[in-house]
Amino acid sequence: MKAKTQKGIEPVFNKSAYREVMGEKLKEFRENRGLSAYRVAKDGGISIGQVNIVESGNTNYTINVFLGYIKGCDLYVQFSGVLREIEKTEKAP
């Protein structure tokens, strides 16, 4: 679902910037948990190079690499936007 402004114009979505910020946050999280890149790679079934790609945010990567990273860090993903849509549906008369 694409977000629309009041005038019906789609807002600009800078994927590269989001990927870089997300990579920085994931690296910070990994380091705060005391996890090495090697450990994340091993536990997630991905290479150390792929861990670095996710954390740098400079390159597109596959969903499988992202899910491997998440598994390696023992994280889970919550889709709050989806939850808001479900809540709207449940509250409708």
Protein backbone atom coordinates (compact mmCIF):
# COMPACT_ATOMS: atom_id res chain seq x y z
CA MET A 1 0.00 0.00 0.00
CA LYS A 2 1.44 3.35 -1.04
CA ALA A 3 1.03 6.38 1.18
CA LYS A 4 -0.64 9.38 -0.44
CA THR A 5 -0.51 13.02 0.48
CA GLN A 6 -3.65 15.10 0.75
CA LYS A 7 -3.28 16.19 -2.88
CA GLY A 8 -2.92 12.57 -4.06
CA ILE A 9 0.79 12.89 -4.85
CA GLU A 10 3.02 10.08 -3.69
CA PRO A 11 5.78 11.21 -1.29
CA VAL A 12 9.42 10.61 -2.24
CA PHE A 13 10.80 7.43 -0.69
CA ASN A 14 14.59 7.38 -0.66
CA LYS A 15 15.34 3.66 -0.39
CA SER A 16 19.09 4.16 -0.24
CA ALA A 17 18.85 6.50 2.74
CA TYR A 18 16.48 4.16 4.58
CA ARG A 19 18.79 1.21 3.87
CA GLU A 20 21.79 3.12 5.27
CA VAL A 21 19.95 4.17 8.44
CA MET A 22 18.58 0.66 8.93
CA GLY A 23 22.09 -0.79 8.46
CA GLU A 24 23.53 1.58 11.06
CA LYS A 25 20.80 0.68 13.55
CA LEU A 26 21.23 -3.05 12.95
CA LYS A 27 25.01 -2.82 13.43
CA GLU A 28 24.53 -0.78 16.61
CA PHE A 29 22.07 -3.38 17.90
CA ARG A 30 24.44 -6.26 17.05
CA GLU A 31 27.37 -4.58 18.78
CA ASN A 32 25.30 -3.69 21.86
CA ARG A 33 24.37 -7.37 22.18
CA GLY A 34 28.05 -8.33 21.98
CA LEU A 35 27.60 -10.30 18.76
CA SER A 36 30.42 -10.54 16.25
CA ALA A 37 29.79 -10.34 12.52
CA TYR A 38 31.13 -13.90 12.31
CA ARG A 39 28.58 -15.13 14.85
CA VAL A 40 25.68 -13.44 13.05
CA ALA A 41 26.85 -14.90 9.74
CA LYS A 42 27.25 -18.40 11.17
CA ASP A 43 23.93 -18.44 13.06
CA GLY A 44 22.08 -16.81 10.16
CA GLY A 45 23.50 -19.01 7.41
CA ILE A 46 24.98 -16.06 5.51
CA SER A 47 28.53 -14.89 4.79
CA ILE A 48 30.43 -12.24 6.72
CA GLY A 49 30.44 -10.22 3.52
CA GLN A 50 26.65 -10.31 3.50
CA VAL A 51 26.58 -9.12 7.13
CA ASN A 52 28.76 -6.19 6.05
CA ILE A 53 26.48 -5.46 3.08
CA VAL A 54 23.41 -5.27 5.34
CA GLU A 55 25.17 -3.05 7.88
CA SER A 56 26.68 -0.69 5.31
CA GLY A 57 23.38 -0.14 3.54
CA ASN A 58 25.23 0.81 0.36
CA THR A 59 24.01 -2.11 -1.74
CA ASN A 60 20.70 -3.82 -2.36
CA TYR A 61 20.50 -7.28 -0.84
CA THR A 62 17.99 -10.07 -1.05
CA ILE A 63 15.25 -10.72 1.46
CA ASN A 64 16.97 -14.04 2.20
CA VAL A 65 20.14 -12.21 3.25
CA PHE A 66 18.10 -9.84 5.43
CA LEU A 67 16.23 -12.76 7.05
CA GLY A 68 19.54 -14.55 7.65
CA TYR A 69 20.87 -11.43 9.35
CA ILE A 70 17.74 -11.18 11.51
CA LYS A 71 18.01 -14.87 12.44
CA GLY A 72 21.72 -14.51 13.22
CA CYS A 73 20.97 -11.63 15.61
CA ASP A 74 18.02 -13.51 17.14
CA LEU A 75 15.67 -10.66 16.21
CA TYR A 76 12.09 -10.59 15.03
CA VAL A 77 10.34 -8.16 12.73
CA GLN A 78 7.06 -6.48 13.61
CA PHE A 79 5.04 -4.76 10.92
CA SER A 80 3.32 -1.93 12.74
CA GLY A 81 1.70 -0.54 9.59
CA VAL A 82 -0.02 -3.86 9.03
CA LEU A 83 -1.22 -3.88 12.62
CA ARG A 84 -2.71 -0.41 12.20
CA GLU A 85 -4.62 -1.57 9.12
CA ILE A 86 -5.93 -4.62 11.02
CA GLU A 87 -7.01 -2.40 13.91
CA LYS A 88 -8.90 -0.10 11.52
CA THR A 89 -10.71 -3.09 10.02
CA GLU A 90 -11.65 -4.48 13.44
CA LYS A 91 -13.04 -1.13 14.61
CA ALA A 92 -15.15 -0.58 11.49
CA PRO A 93 -18.93 -0.90 12.09
